[in-house]
Amino acid sequence: MSKTVNIFAIKEISEPEQHALQACWYGEATPGQQRLALNIVIDKLSMADFLPYQVGSFDETAFLNGRIFVGKAMRRILKLETEG
């Protein structure tokens, strides 16, 4: 049995998470808020660990793959070693 999801749905963002995202936007985030904000983008907004197959809908599957790509790309960049 397959389960489909609303491809436009966003998991609920708590008040501390919202504050962390806003603090990042304004350049005022603490190190903890910065990490929280990136985790929100990677895990909740892009759904990086979600299996994207939508039964019977190539378009919805493709849309979810686009969302997931963003989170996975961010993880890849965060793991890169920098020079200097």
Protein backbone atom coordinates (compact mmCIF):
# COMPACT_ATOMS: atom_id res chain seq x y z
CA MET A 1 0.00 0.00 0.00
CA SER A 2 1.40 3.39 -0.98
CA LYS A 3 0.86 6.62 0.82
CA THR A 4 0.77 9.93 -1.01
CA VAL A 5 1.48 13.30 0.55
CA ASN A 6 0.44 16.84 -0.18
CA ILE A 7 3.47 17.95 -2.18
CA PHE A 8 2.99 21.58 -1.16
CA ALA A 9 2.62 20.89 2.56
CA ILE A 10 5.22 22.22 4.97
CA LYS A 11 5.68 20.64 8.37
CA GLU A 12 4.65 22.90 11.20
CA ILE A 13 7.33 25.38 12.29
CA SER A 14 7.48 26.04 16.03
CA GLU A 15 7.90 29.52 17.48
CA PRO A 16 11.60 28.97 18.39
CA GLU A 17 12.20 27.66 14.85
CA GLN A 18 10.50 30.72 13.38
CA HIS A 19 12.66 32.98 15.56
CA ALA A 20 15.79 31.12 14.42
CA LEU A 21 14.91 31.57 10.74
CA GLN A 22 14.13 35.26 11.26
CA ALA A 23 17.34 35.82 13.24
CA CYS A 24 19.34 34.26 10.38
CA TRP A 25 17.58 36.50 7.88
CA TYR A 26 18.46 39.61 9.87
CA GLY A 27 22.03 38.46 10.53
CA GLU A 28 21.49 38.25 14.29
CA ALA A 29 21.33 34.49 14.88
CA THR A 30 23.33 32.75 17.57
CA PRO A 31 25.36 29.70 16.51
CA GLY A 32 22.56 27.46 17.84
CA GLN A 33 19.90 29.38 15.91
CA GLN A 34 21.99 29.14 12.74
CA ARG A 35 22.18 25.36 13.02
CA LEU A 36 18.48 25.14 13.84
CA ALA A 37 17.58 27.28 10.83
CA LEU A 38 19.64 25.12 8.47
CA ASN A 39 18.07 21.97 9.92
CA ILE A 40 14.61 23.43 9.31
CA VAL A 41 15.44 24.13 5.67
CA ILE A 42 17.03 20.72 5.12
CA ASP A 43 14.62 18.54 7.08
CA LYS A 44 11.26 20.31 7.16
CA LEU A 45 11.16 22.48 4.06
CA SER A 46 13.09 20.38 1.56
CA MET A 47 12.14 17.00 3.08
CA ALA A 48 15.65 15.69 2.32
CA ASP A 49 15.04 12.25 3.85
CA PHE A 50 11.61 11.68 2.33
CA LEU A 51 11.03 8.98 -0.30
CA PRO A 52 9.61 11.12 -3.11
CA TYR A 53 7.60 8.60 -5.15
CA GLN A 54 3.99 9.63 -5.69
CA VAL A 55 1.95 6.77 -7.10
CA GLY A 56 0.54 7.55 -10.51
CA SER A 57 1.92 11.08 -10.74
CA PHE A 58 5.18 11.76 -12.54
CA ASP A 59 4.75 15.52 -12.00
CA GLU A 60 4.30 15.27 -8.22
CA THR A 61 7.22 12.86 -7.96
CA ALA A 62 9.38 15.27 -9.98
CA PHE A 63 8.32 18.22 -7.81
CA LEU A 64 9.24 16.34 -4.62
CA ASN A 65 12.58 15.37 -6.13
CA GLY A 66 13.26 19.06 -6.75
CA ARG A 67 12.53 19.90 -3.12
CA ILE A 68 14.68 17.06 -1.88
CA PHE A 69 17.57 18.04 -4.16
CA VAL A 70 17.87 21.38 -2.34
CA GLY A 71 18.26 19.74 1.07
CA LYS A 72 20.72 17.14 -0.18
CA ALA A 73 22.77 19.81 -1.98
CA MET A 74 22.92 21.87 1.21
CA ARG A 75 24.13 18.83 3.17
CA ARG A 76 26.81 18.17 0.55
CA ILE A 77 28.03 21.77 0.72
CA LEU A 78 28.06 21.77 4.52
CA LYS A 79 30.28 18.66 4.53
CA LEU A 80 32.86 20.11 2.13
CA GLU A 81 36.21 21.00 3.59
CA THR A 82 37.26 24.58 3.03
CA GLU A 83 40.75 25.86 2.33
CA GLY A 84 42.52 28.04 4.83
